[in-house]
PDB file of all heavy atoms in Angstrom:
ATOM      1  N   ARG A   1     -26.974 -20.854  14.178  1.00  0.00           N
ATOM      2  CA  ARG A   1     -28.268 -21.416  13.821  1.00  0.00           C
ATOM      3  C   ARG A   1     -29.393 -20.480  14.244  1.00  0.00           C
ATOM      4  O   ARG A   1     -29.381 -19.932  15.338  1.00  0.00           O
ATOM      5  CB  ARG A   1     -28.483 -22.777  14.479  1.00  0.00           C
ATOM      6  CG  ARG A   1     -27.767 -23.903  13.759  1.00  0.00           C
ATOM      7  CD  ARG A   1     -28.385 -25.255  14.090  1.00  0.00           C
ATOM      8  NE  ARG A   1     -27.750 -26.314  13.313  1.00  0.00           N
ATOM      9  CZ  ARG A   1     -28.094 -26.652  12.092  1.00  0.00           C
ATOM     10  NH1 ARG A   1     -29.073 -25.996  11.482  1.00  0.00           N
ATOM     11  NH2 ARG A   1     -27.483 -27.628  11.456  1.00  0.00           N
ATOM     12  N   MET A   2     -30.365 -20.317  13.361  1.00  0.00           N
ATOM     13  CA  MET A   2     -31.523 -19.509  13.694  1.00  0.00           C
ATOM     14  C   MET A   2     -32.312 -20.209  14.811  1.00  0.00           C
ATOM     15  O   MET A   2     -32.448 -21.440  14.799  1.00  0.00           O
ATOM     16  CB  MET A   2     -32.396 -19.295  12.458  1.00  0.00           C
ATOM     17  CG  MET A   2     -31.670 -18.566  11.342  1.00  0.00           C
ATOM     18  SD  MET A   2     -32.605 -18.479   9.786  1.00  0.00           S
ATOM     19  CE  MET A   2     -33.948 -17.385  10.251  1.00  0.00           C
ATOM     20  N   PRO A   3     -32.826 -19.452  15.788  1.00  0.00           N
ATOM     21  CA  PRO A   3     -33.515 -20.065  16.931  1.00  0.00           C
ATOM     22  C   PRO A   3     -34.880 -20.616  16.534  1.00  0.00           C
ATOM     23  O   PRO A   3     -35.904 -19.922  16.601  1.00  0.00           O
ATOM     24  CB  PRO A   3     -33.639 -18.906  17.923  1.00  0.00           C
ATOM     25  CG  PRO A   3     -33.648 -17.678  17.071  1.00  0.00           C
ATOM     26  CD  PRO A   3     -32.741 -17.990  15.913  1.00  0.00           C
ATOM     27  N   PHE A   4     -34.907 -21.884  16.149  1.00  0.00           N
ATOM     28  CA  PHE A   4     -36.146 -22.506  15.707  1.00  0.00           C
ATOM     29  C   PHE A   4     -35.959 -24.011  15.689  1.00  0.00           C
ATOM     30  O   PHE A   4     -34.951 -24.516  15.172  1.00  0.00           O
ATOM     31  CB  PHE A   4     -36.511 -22.002  14.303  1.00  0.00           C
ATOM     32  CG  PHE A   4     -37.779 -22.585  13.757  1.00  0.00           C
ATOM     33  CD1 PHE A   4     -39.009 -22.094  14.150  1.00  0.00           C
ATOM     34  CD2 PHE A   4     -37.745 -23.624  12.845  1.00  0.00           C
ATOM     35  CE1 PHE A   4     -40.194 -22.625  13.646  1.00  0.00           C
ATOM     36  CE2 PHE A   4     -38.913 -24.167  12.331  1.00  0.00           C
ATOM     37  CZ  PHE A   4     -40.141 -23.667  12.738  1.00  0.00           C
ATOM     38  N   GLY A   5     -36.913 -24.746  16.250  1.00  0.00           N
ATOM     39  CA  GLY A   5     -36.864 -26.194  16.237  1.00  0.00           C
ATOM     40  C   GLY A   5     -36.039 -26.772  17.375  1.00  0.00           C
ATOM     41  O   GLY A   5     -35.277 -26.074  18.056  1.00  0.00           O
ATOM     42  N   VAL A   6     -36.186 -28.071  17.577  1.00  0.00           N
ATOM     43  CA  VAL A   6     -35.459 -28.787  18.623  1.00  0.00           C
ATOM     44  C   VAL A   6     -34.471 -29.767  18.001  1.00  0.00           C
ATOM     45  O   VAL A   6     -33.270 -29.684  18.235  1.00  0.00           O
ATOM     46  CB  VAL A   6     -36.431 -29.520  19.574  1.00  0.00           C
ATOM     47  CG1 VAL A   6     -35.664 -30.384  20.573  1.00  0.00           C
ATOM     48  CG2 VAL A   6     -37.311 -28.512  20.314  1.00  0.00           C
ATOM     49  N   ASP A   7     -34.959 -30.712  17.206  1.00  0.00           N
ATOM     50  CA  ASP A   7     -34.038 -31.658  16.580  1.00  0.00           C
ATOM     51  C   ASP A   7     -33.044 -30.970  15.644  1.00  0.00           C
ATOM     52  O   ASP A   7     -31.875 -31.369  15.585  1.00  0.00           O
ATOM     53  CB  ASP A   7     -34.815 -32.728  15.817  1.00  0.00           C
ATOM     54  CG  ASP A   7     -33.976 -33.968  15.546  1.00  0.00           C
ATOM     55  OD1 ASP A   7     -33.576 -34.635  16.526  1.00  0.00           O
ATOM     56  OD2 ASP A   7     -33.696 -34.256  14.373  1.00  0.00           O
ATOM     57  N   PRO A   8     -33.447 -29.906  14.906  1.00  0.00           N
ATOM     58  CA  PRO A   8     -32.461 -29.219  14.057  1.00  0.00           C
ATOM     59  C   PRO A   8     -31.325 -28.580  14.845  1.00  0.00           C
ATOM     60  O   PRO A   8     -30.273 -28.291  14.277  1.00  0.00           O
ATOM     61  CB  PRO A   8     -33.309 -28.132  13.356  1.00  0.00           C
ATOM     62  CG  PRO A   8     -34.683 -28.673  13.351  1.00  0.00           C
ATOM     63  CD  PRO A   8     -34.816 -29.411  14.651  1.00  0.00           C
ATOM     64  N   PHE A   9     -31.530 -28.352  16.148  1.00  0.00           N
ATOM     65  CA  PHE A   9     -30.525 -27.682  16.954  1.00  0.00           C
ATOM     66  C   PHE A   9     -29.488 -28.638  17.541  1.00  0.00           C
ATOM     67  O   PHE A   9     -28.501 -28.194  18.139  1.00  0.00           O
ATOM     68  CB  PHE A   9     -31.200 -26.909  18.093  1.00  0.00           C
ATOM     69  CG  PHE A   9     -30.990 -25.421  18.002  1.00  0.00           C
ATOM     70  CD1 PHE A   9     -31.725 -24.656  17.109  1.00  0.00           C
ATOM     71  CD2 PHE A   9     -30.046 -24.788  18.794  1.00  0.00           C
ATOM     72  CE1 PHE A   9     -31.538 -23.297  17.011  1.00  0.00           C
ATOM     73  CE2 PHE A   9     -29.848 -23.426  18.701  1.00  0.00           C
ATOM     74  CZ  PHE A   9     -30.589 -22.669  17.814  1.00  0.00           C
ATOM     75  N   ARG A  10     -29.692 -29.937  17.403  1.00  0.00           N
ATOM     76  CA  ARG A  10     -28.745 -30.885  17.982  1.00  0.00           C
ATOM     77  C   ARG A  10     -27.430 -30.880  17.204  1.00  0.00           C
ATOM     78  O   ARG A  10     -27.418 -30.957  15.980  1.00  0.00           O
ATOM     79  CB  ARG A  10     -29.338 -32.294  17.992  1.00  0.00           C
ATOM     80  CG  ARG A  10     -30.422 -32.480  19.036  1.00  0.00           C
ATOM     81  CD  ARG A  10     -30.780 -33.946  19.227  1.00  0.00           C
ATOM     82  NE  ARG A  10     -31.603 -34.096  20.413  1.00  0.00           N
ATOM     83  CZ  ARG A  10     -32.942 -34.117  20.400  1.00  0.00           C
ATOM     84  NH1 ARG A  10     -33.589 -34.042  19.247  1.00  0.00           N
ATOM     85  NH2 ARG A  10     -33.624 -34.238  21.523  1.00  0.00           N
ATOM     86  N   ALA A  11     -26.330 -30.806  17.941  1.00  0.00           N
ATOM     87  CA  ALA A  11     -25.003 -30.889  17.337  1.00  0.00           C
ATOM     88  C   ALA A  11     -24.655 -32.362  17.102  1.00  0.00           C
ATOM     89  O   ALA A  11     -25.252 -33.254  17.719  1.00  0.00           O
ATOM     90  CB  ALA A  11     -23.978 -30.238  18.247  1.00  0.00           C
ATOM     91  N   PRO A  12     -23.688 -32.652  16.216  1.00  0.00           N
ATOM     92  CA  PRO A  12     -23.351 -34.050  15.910  1.00  0.00           C
ATOM     93  C   PRO A  12     -23.027 -34.899  17.139  1.00  0.00           C
ATOM     94  O   PRO A  12     -23.351 -36.096  17.147  1.00  0.00           O
ATOM     95  CB  PRO A  12     -22.132 -33.916  14.994  1.00  0.00           C
ATOM     96  CG  PRO A  12     -22.334 -32.614  14.305  1.00  0.00           C
ATOM     97  CD  PRO A  12     -22.946 -31.720  15.343  1.00  0.00           C
ATOM     98  N   HIS A  13     -22.412 -34.319  18.162  1.00  0.00           N
ATOM     99  CA  HIS A  13     -22.089 -35.122  19.340  1.00  0.00           C
ATOM    100  C   HIS A  13     -23.315 -35.394  20.209  1.00  0.00           C
ATOM    101  O   HIS A  13     -23.247 -36.201  21.138  1.00  0.00           O
ATOM    102  CB  HIS A  13     -20.990 -34.441  20.173  1.00  0.00           C
ATOM    103  CG  HIS A  13     -21.382 -33.130  20.758  1.00  0.00           C
ATOM    104  ND1 HIS A  13     -21.350 -31.958  20.037  1.00  0.00           N
ATOM    105  CD2 HIS A  13     -21.808 -32.790  22.001  1.00  0.00           C
ATOM    106  CE1 HIS A  13     -21.731 -30.952  20.807  1.00  0.00           C
ATOM    107  NE2 HIS A  13     -22.025 -31.434  21.998  1.00  0.00           N
ATOM    108  N   ASN A  14     -24.458 -34.731  19.894  1.00  0.00           N
ATOM    109  CA  ASN A  14     -25.691 -34.958  20.636  1.00  0.00           C
ATOM    110  C   ASN A  14     -26.733 -35.748  19.839  1.00  0.00           C
ATOM    111  O   ASN A  14     -27.868 -35.907  20.303  1.00  0.00           O
ATOM    112  CB  ASN A  14     -26.313 -33.612  21.051  1.00  0.00           C
ATOM    113  CG  ASN A  14     -25.507 -32.919  22.122  1.00  0.00           C
ATOM    114  OD1 ASN A  14     -24.931 -33.565  22.979  1.00  0.00           O
ATOM    115  ND2 ASN A  14     -25.452 -31.598  22.066  1.00  0.00           N
ATOM    116  N   TYR A  15     -26.371 -36.228  18.666  1.00  0.00           N
ATOM    117  CA  TYR A  15     -27.333 -36.972  17.859  1.00  0.00           C
ATOM    118  C   TYR A  15     -27.751 -38.253  18.579  1.00  0.00           C
ATOM    119  O   TYR A  15     -26.924 -38.954  19.172  1.00  0.00           O
ATOM    120  CB  TYR A  15     -26.744 -37.341  16.502  1.00  0.00           C
ATOM    121  CG  TYR A  15     -26.587 -36.190  15.531  1.00  0.00           C
ATOM    122  CD1 TYR A  15     -25.933 -36.370  14.314  1.00  0.00           C
ATOM    123  CD2 TYR A  15     -27.086 -34.923  15.815  1.00  0.00           C
ATOM    124  CE1 TYR A  15     -25.794 -35.325  13.405  1.00  0.00           C
ATOM    125  CE2 TYR A  15     -26.947 -33.880  14.921  1.00  0.00           C
ATOM    126  CZ  TYR A  15     -26.296 -34.080  13.720  1.00  0.00           C
ATOM    127  OH  TYR A  15     -26.152 -33.046  12.836  1.00  0.00           O
ATOM    128  N   ILE A  16     -29.023 -38.551  18.485  1.00  0.00           N
ATOM    129  CA  ILE A  16     -29.545 -39.808  19.018  1.00  0.00           C
ATOM    130  C   ILE A  16     -29.360 -40.921  17.988  1.00  0.00           C
ATOM    131  O   ILE A  16     -29.137 -42.085  18.326  1.00  0.00           O
ATOM    132  CB  ILE A  16     -31.033 -39.668  19.383  1.00  0.00           C
ATOM    133  CG1 ILE A  16     -31.255 -38.428  20.264  1.00  0.00           C
ATOM    134  CG2 ILE A  16     -31.536 -40.923  20.074  1.00  0.00           C
ATOM    135  CD1 ILE A  16     -30.541 -38.465  21.576  1.00  0.00           C
ATOM    136  N   PHE A  17     -29.461 -40.534  16.720  1.00  0.00           N
ATOM    137  CA  PHE A  17     -29.301 -41.464  15.598  1.00  0.00           C
ATOM    138  C   PHE A  17     -28.168 -40.975  14.701  1.00  0.00           C
ATOM    139  O   PHE A  17     -27.789 -39.804  14.752  1.00  0.00           O
ATOM    140  CB  PHE A  17     -30.604 -41.566  14.804  1.00  0.00           C
ATOM    141  CG  PHE A  17     -31.768 -42.051  15.613  1.00  0.00           C
ATOM    142  CD1 PHE A  17     -32.542 -41.158  16.339  1.00  0.00           C
ATOM    143  CD2 PHE A  17     -32.085 -43.396  15.661  1.00  0.00           C
ATOM    144  CE1 PHE A  17     -33.614 -41.595  17.098  1.00  0.00           C
ATOM    145  CE2 PHE A  17     -33.159 -43.848  16.422  1.00  0.00           C
ATOM    146  CZ  PHE A  17     -33.915 -42.941  17.144  1.00  0.00           C
ATOM    147  N   ALA A  18     -27.670 -41.849  13.865  1.00  0.00           N
ATOM    148  CA  ALA A  18     -26.547 -41.463  13.007  1.00  0.00           C
ATOM    149  C   ALA A  18     -26.951 -40.369  12.027  1.00  0.00           C
ATOM    150  O   ALA A  18     -26.174 -39.446  11.755  1.00  0.00           O
ATOM    151  CB  ALA A  18     -26.020 -42.688  12.256  1.00  0.00           C
ATOM    152  N   ASN A  19     -28.161 -40.448  11.476  1.00  0.00           N
ATOM    153  CA  ASN A  19     -28.649 -39.446  10.538  1.00  0.00           C
ATOM    154  C   ASN A  19     -29.751 -38.613  11.182  1.00  0.00           C
ATOM    155  O   ASN A  19     -30.611 -39.143  11.892  1.00  0.00           O
ATOM    156  CB  ASN A  19     -29.177 -40.116   9.266  1.00  0.00           C
ATOM    157  CG  ASN A  19     -28.059 -40.665   8.408  1.00  0.00           C
ATOM    158  OD1 ASN A  19     -27.023 -40.030   8.242  1.00  0.00           O
ATOM    159  ND2 ASN A  19     -28.259 -41.865   7.868  1.00  0.00           N
ATOM    160  N   ARG A  20     -29.729 -37.318  10.887  1.00  0.00           N
ATOM    161  CA  ARG A  20     -30.742 -36.426  11.431  1.00  0.00           C
ATOM    162  C   ARG A  20     -32.123 -36.744  10.878  1.00  0.00           C
ATOM    163  O   ARG A  20     -32.258 -37.376   9.837  1.00  0.00           O
ATOM    164  CB  ARG A  20     -30.390 -34.971  11.092  1.00  0.00           C
ATOM    165  CG  ARG A  20     -29.203 -34.430  11.843  1.00  0.00           C
ATOM    166  CD  ARG A  20     -28.822 -33.060  11.317  1.00  0.00           C
ATOM    167  NE  ARG A  20     -28.276 -33.146   9.966  1.00  0.00           N
ATOM    168  CZ  ARG A  20     -27.961 -32.093   9.229  1.00  0.00           C
ATOM    169  NH1 ARG A  20     -28.156 -30.881   9.697  1.00  0.00           N
ATOM    170  NH2 ARG A  20     -27.460 -32.256   8.017  1.00  0.00           N
ATOM    171  N   SER A  21     -33.141 -36.258  11.574  1.00  0.00           N
ATOM    172  CA  SER A  21     -34.507 -36.417  11.097  1.00  0.00           C
ATOM    173  C   SER A  21     -34.712 -35.585   9.842  1.00  0.00           C
ATOM    174  O   SER A  21     -33.913 -34.699   9.511  1.00  0.00           O
ATOM    175  CB  SER A  21     -35.492 -35.969  12.182  1.00  0.00           C
ATOM    176  OG  SER A  21     -35.354 -34.573  12.410  1.00  0.00           O
ATOM    177  N   PHE A  22     -35.794 -35.824   9.134  1.00  0.00           N
ATOM    178  CA  PHE A  22     -36.112 -35.046   7.935  1.00  0.00           C
ATOM    179  C   PHE A  22     -36.322 -33.570   8.271  1.00  0.00           C
ATOM    180  O   PHE A  22     -35.923 -32.693   7.499  1.00  0.00           O
ATOM    181  CB  PHE A  22     -37.359 -35.602   7.254  1.00  0.00           C
ATOM    182  CG  PHE A  22     -37.217 -37.024   6.786  1.00  0.00           C
ATOM    183  CD1 PHE A  22     -38.268 -37.919   6.919  1.00  0.00           C
ATOM    184  CD2 PHE A  22     -36.039 -37.477   6.212  1.00  0.00           C
ATOM    185  CE1 PHE A  22     -38.144 -39.234   6.482  1.00  0.00           C
ATOM    186  CE2 PHE A  22     -35.898 -38.779   5.771  1.00  0.00           C
ATOM    187  CZ  PHE A  22     -36.964 -39.658   5.914  1.00  0.00           C
ATOM    188  N   ILE A  23     -36.931 -33.280   9.422  1.00  0.00           N
ATOM    189  CA  ILE A  23     -37.150 -31.876   9.769  1.00  0.00           C
ATOM    190  C   ILE A  23     -35.836 -31.186  10.113  1.00  0.00           C
ATOM    191  O   ILE A  23     -35.707 -29.978   9.969  1.00  0.00           O
ATOM    192  CB  ILE A  23     -38.165 -31.708  10.919  1.00  0.00           C
ATOM    193  CG1 ILE A  23     -37.654 -32.347  12.214  1.00  0.00           C
ATOM    194  CG2 ILE A  23     -39.518 -32.272  10.539  1.00  0.00           C
ATOM    195  CD1 ILE A  23     -38.565 -32.096  13.399  1.00  0.00           C
ATOM    196  N   GLY A  24     -34.854 -31.960  10.563  1.00  0.00           N
ATOM    197  CA  GLY A  24     -33.573 -31.368  10.923  1.00  0.00           C
ATOM    198  C   GLY A  24     -32.606 -31.238   9.767  1.00  0.00           C
ATOM    199  O   GLY A  24     -31.695 -30.411   9.814  1.00  0.00           O
ATOM    200  N   ARG A  25     -32.813 -32.022   8.721  1.00  0.00           N
ATOM    201  CA  ARG A  25     -31.885 -31.986   7.588  1.00  0.00           C
ATOM    202  C   ARG A  25     -32.501 -31.354   6.343  1.00  0.00           C
ATOM    203  O   ARG A  25     -31.922 -30.457   5.733  1.00  0.00           O
ATOM    204  CB  ARG A  25     -31.397 -33.391   7.259  1.00  0.00           C
ATOM    205  CG  ARG A  25     -30.365 -33.403   6.140  1.00  0.00           C
ATOM    206  CD  ARG A  25     -29.756 -34.768   5.951  1.00  0.00           C
ATOM    207  NE  ARG A  25     -28.707 -34.746   4.936  1.00  0.00           N
ATOM    208  CZ  ARG A  25     -27.983 -35.800   4.574  1.00  0.00           C
ATOM    209  NH1 ARG A  25     -28.193 -36.966   5.160  1.00  0.00           N
ATOM    210  NH2 ARG A  25     -27.052 -35.704   3.661  1.00  0.00           N
ATOM    211  N   GLN A  26     -33.696 -31.818   5.956  1.00  0.00           N
ATOM    212  CA  GLN A  26     -34.286 -31.326   4.718  1.00  0.00           C
ATOM    213  C   GLN A  26     -35.127 -30.064   4.919  1.00  0.00           C
ATOM    214  O   GLN A  26     -35.017 -29.110   4.154  1.00  0.00           O
ATOM    215  CB  GLN A  26     -35.162 -32.420   4.080  1.00  0.00           C
ATOM    216  CG  GLN A  26     -34.397 -33.417   3.241  1.00  0.00           C
ATOM    217  CD  GLN A  26     -33.763 -34.525   4.051  1.00  0.00           C
ATOM    218  OE1 GLN A  26     -34.027 -34.666   5.237  1.00  0.00           O
ATOM    219  NE2 GLN A  26     -32.919 -35.334   3.408  1.00  0.00           N
ATOM    220  N   ILE A  27     -35.991 -30.040   5.939  1.00  0.00           N
ATOM    221  CA  ILE A  27     -36.938 -28.940   6.085  1.00  0.00           C
ATOM    222  C   ILE A  27     -36.305 -27.717   6.734  1.00  0.00           C
ATOM    223  O   ILE A  27     -36.487 -26.586   6.274  1.00  0.00           O
ATOM    224  CB  ILE A  27     -38.179 -29.393   6.887  1.00  0.00           C
ATOM    225  CG1 ILE A  27     -38.850 -30.580   6.197  1.00  0.00           C
ATOM    226  CG2 ILE A  27     -39.174 -28.239   7.036  1.00  0.00           C
ATOM    227  CD1 ILE A  27     -40.056 -31.129   6.945  1.00  0.00           C
ATOM    228  N   CYS A  28     -35.568 -27.917   7.803  1.00  0.00           N
ATOM    229  CA  CYS A  28     -35.051 -26.763   8.553  1.00  0.00           C
ATOM    230  C   CYS A  28     -33.586 -26.969   8.920  1.00  0.00           C
ATOM    231  O   CYS A  28     -33.263 -27.414  10.024  1.00  0.00           O
ATOM    232  CB  CYS A  28     -35.879 -26.533   9.817  1.00  0.00           C
ATOM    233  SG  CYS A  28     -35.333 -25.128  10.811  1.00  0.00           S
ATOM    234  N   ASN A  29     -32.713 -26.624   8.005  1.00  0.00           N
ATOM    235  CA  ASN A  29     -31.273 -26.738   8.242  1.00  0.00           C
ATOM    236  C   ASN A  29     -30.641 -25.383   7.928  1.00  0.00           C
ATOM    237  O   ASN A  29     -29.995 -25.203   6.904  1.00  0.00           O
ATOM    238  CB  ASN A  29     -30.682 -27.848   7.373  1.00  0.00           C
ATOM    239  CG  ASN A  29     -29.223 -28.085   7.666  1.00  0.00           C
ATOM    240  OD1 ASN A  29     -28.704 -27.688   8.705  1.00  0.00           O
ATOM    241  ND2 ASN A  29     -28.531 -28.716   6.735  1.00  0.00           N
ATOM    242  N   TYR A  30     -30.864 -24.412   8.821  1.00  0.00           N
ATOM    243  CA  TYR A  30     -30.494 -23.034   8.527  1.00  0.00           C
ATOM    244  C   TYR A  30     -29.539 -22.445   9.549  1.00  0.00           C
ATOM    245  O   TYR A  30     -29.860 -22.334  10.739  1.00  0.00           O
ATOM    246  CB  TYR A  30     -31.740 -22.140   8.465  1.00  0.00           C
ATOM    247  CG  TYR A  30     -32.685 -22.494   7.347  1.00  0.00           C
ATOM    248  CD1 TYR A  30     -33.916 -23.086   7.622  1.00  0.00           C
ATOM    249  CD2 TYR A  30     -32.354 -22.251   6.015  1.00  0.00           C
ATOM    250  CE1 TYR A  30     -34.789 -23.420   6.598  1.00  0.00           C
ATOM    251  CE2 TYR A  30     -33.215 -22.586   4.991  1.00  0.00           C
ATOM    252  CZ  TYR A  30     -34.429 -23.171   5.285  1.00  0.00           C
ATOM    253  OH  TYR A  30     -35.290 -23.509   4.266  1.00  0.00           O
ATOM    254  N   ARG A  31     -28.365 -22.093   9.058  1.00  0.00           N
ATOM    255  CA  ARG A  31     -27.500 -21.157   9.762  1.00  0.00           C
ATOM    256  C   ARG A  31     -27.584 -19.830   9.021  1.00  0.00           C
ATOM    257  O   ARG A  31     -27.762 -19.805   7.808  1.00  0.00           O
ATOM    258  CB  ARG A  31     -26.045 -21.634   9.791  1.00  0.00           C
ATOM    259  CG  ARG A  31     -25.738 -22.636  10.882  1.00  0.00           C
ATOM    260  CD  ARG A  31     -24.264 -23.002  10.876  1.00  0.00           C
ATOM    261  NE  ARG A  31     -23.906 -23.752  12.060  1.00  0.00           N
ATOM    262  CZ  ARG A  31     -24.048 -25.068  12.190  1.00  0.00           C
ATOM    263  NH1 ARG A  31     -24.535 -25.774  11.184  1.00  0.00           N
ATOM    264  NH2 ARG A  31     -23.704 -25.681  13.311  1.00  0.00           N
ATOM    265  N   ALA A  32     -27.443 -18.727   9.731  1.00  0.00           N
ATOM    266  CA  ALA A  32     -27.559 -17.423   9.088  1.00  0.00           C
ATOM    267  C   ALA A  32     -26.707 -16.413   9.842  1.00  0.00           C
ATOM    268  O   ALA A  32     -26.241 -16.669  10.956  1.00  0.00           O
ATOM    269  CB  ALA A  32     -29.019 -16.968   9.044  1.00  0.00           C
ATOM    270  N   VAL A  33     -26.512 -15.252   9.209  1.00  0.00           N
ATOM    271  CA  VAL A  33     -25.750 -14.161   9.811  1.00  0.00           C
ATOM    272  C   VAL A  33     -26.739 -13.105  10.292  1.00  0.00           C
ATOM    273  O   VAL A  33     -27.581 -12.644   9.515  1.00  0.00           O
ATOM    274  CB  VAL A  33     -24.768 -13.548   8.803  1.00  0.00           C
ATOM    275  CG1 VAL A  33     -23.943 -12.442   9.459  1.00  0.00           C
ATOM    276  CG2 VAL A  33     -23.847 -14.620   8.248  1.00  0.00           C
ATOM    277  N   GLY A  34     -26.644 -12.733  11.564  1.00  0.00           N
ATOM    278  CA  GLY A  34     -27.569 -11.749  12.108  1.00  0.00           C
ATOM    279  C   GLY A  34     -27.358 -11.566  13.592  1.00  0.00           C
ATOM    280  O   GLY A  34     -26.246 -11.722  14.103  1.00  0.00           O
ATOM    281  N   PHE A  35     -28.448 -11.237  14.303  1.00  0.00           N
ATOM    282  CA  PHE A  35     -28.354 -11.098  15.757  1.00  0.00           C
ATOM    283  C   PHE A  35     -29.656 -11.567  16.385  1.00  0.00           C
ATOM    284  O   PHE A  35     -30.706 -11.636  15.742  1.00  0.00           O
ATOM    285  CB  PHE A  35     -28.057  -9.652  16.141  1.00  0.00           C
ATOM    286  CG  PHE A  35     -29.282  -8.810  16.357  1.00  0.00           C
ATOM    287  CD1 PHE A  35     -29.754  -8.564  17.641  1.00  0.00           C
ATOM    288  CD2 PHE A  35     -29.973  -8.267  15.285  1.00  0.00           C
ATOM    289  CE1 PHE A  35     -30.880  -7.803  17.849  1.00  0.00           C
ATOM    290  CE2 PHE A  35     -31.103  -7.493  15.477  1.00  0.00           C
ATOM    291  CZ  PHE A  35     -31.559  -7.248  16.775  1.00  0.00           C
ATOM    292  N   LYS A  36     -29.576 -11.929  17.664  1.00  0.00           N
ATOM    293  CA  LYS A  36     -30.776 -12.340  18.381  1.00  0.00           C
ATOM    294  C   LYS A  36     -30.705 -11.874  19.831  1.00  0.00           C
ATOM    295  O   LYS A  36     -29.630 -11.661  20.392  1.00  0.00           O
ATOM    296  CB  LYS A  36     -30.975 -13.849  18.333  1.00  0.00           C
ATOM    297  CG  LYS A  36     -30.033 -14.643  19.241  1.00  0.00           C
ATOM    298  CD  LYS A  36     -30.418 -16.126  19.289  1.00  0.00           C
ATOM    299  CE  LYS A  36     -29.513 -16.901  20.242  1.00  0.00           C
ATOM    300  NZ  LYS A  36     -29.916 -18.323  20.355  1.00  0.00           N
ATOM    301  N   LEU A  37     -31.871 -11.725  20.418  1.00  0.00           N
ATOM    302  CA  LEU A  37     -32.030 -11.448  21.837  1.00  0.00           C
ATOM    303  C   LEU A  37     -32.619 -12.683  22.505  1.00  0.00           C
ATOM    304  O   LEU A  37     -33.488 -13.353  21.936  1.00  0.00           O
ATOM    305  CB  LEU A  37     -32.963 -10.259  22.064  1.00  0.00           C
ATOM    306  CG  LEU A  37     -32.417  -8.862  21.788  1.00  0.00           C
ATOM    307  CD1 LEU A  37     -33.540  -7.834  21.875  1.00  0.00           C
ATOM    308  CD2 LEU A  37     -31.315  -8.510  22.783  1.00  0.00           C
ATOM    309  N   SER A  38     -32.154 -12.996  23.690  1.00  0.00           N
ATOM    310  CA  SER A  38     -32.716 -14.103  24.461  1.00  0.00           C
ATOM    311  C   SER A  38     -32.921 -13.653  25.899  1.00  0.00           C
ATOM    312  O   SER A  38     -32.143 -12.843  26.424  1.00  0.00           O
ATOM    313  CB  SER A  38     -31.807 -15.332  24.410  1.00  0.00           C
ATOM    314  OG  SER A  38     -30.550 -15.057  24.987  1.00  0.00           O
ATOM    315  N   TYR A  39     -33.971 -14.170  26.510  1.00  0.00           N
ATOM    316  CA  TYR A  39     -34.273 -13.786  27.895  1.00  0.00           C
ATOM    317  C   TYR A  39     -34.804 -14.995  28.647  1.00  0.00           C
ATOM    318  O   TYR A  39     -35.756 -15.654  28.208  1.00  0.00           O
ATOM    319  CB  TYR A  39     -35.307 -12.661  27.928  1.00  0.00           C
ATOM    320  CG  TYR A  39     -35.615 -12.172  29.332  1.00  0.00           C
ATOM    321  CD1 TYR A  39     -34.610 -11.666  30.157  1.00  0.00           C
ATOM    322  CD2 TYR A  39     -36.919 -12.225  29.836  1.00  0.00           C
ATOM    323  CE1 TYR A  39     -34.882 -11.226  31.433  1.00  0.00           C
ATOM    324  CE2 TYR A  39     -37.203 -11.777  31.118  1.00  0.00           C
ATOM    325  CZ  TYR A  39     -36.179 -11.277  31.911  1.00  0.00           C
ATOM    326  OH  TYR A  39     -36.441 -10.842  33.189  1.00  0.00           O
ATOM    327  N   SER A  40     -34.172 -15.303  29.761  1.00  0.00           N
ATOM    328  CA  SER A  40     -34.619 -16.366  30.652  1.00  0.00           C
ATOM    329  C   SER A  40     -35.307 -15.719  31.849  1.00  0.00           C
ATOM    330  O   SER A  40     -34.676 -14.958  32.597  1.00  0.00           O
ATOM    331  CB  SER A  40     -33.431 -17.221  31.121  1.00  0.00           C
ATOM    332  OG  SER A  40     -32.811 -17.865  30.021  1.00  0.00           O
TER     333      SER A  40
END
């Protein structure tokens, strides 16, 4: 998953509701092939 959004990042076992929100399903539902850097 591309690093963007909060609800779109929830996996099925972490869903609060049975169906995802509109922003998580219709607006931003993107997996892609690439690379990313992360820093804490």
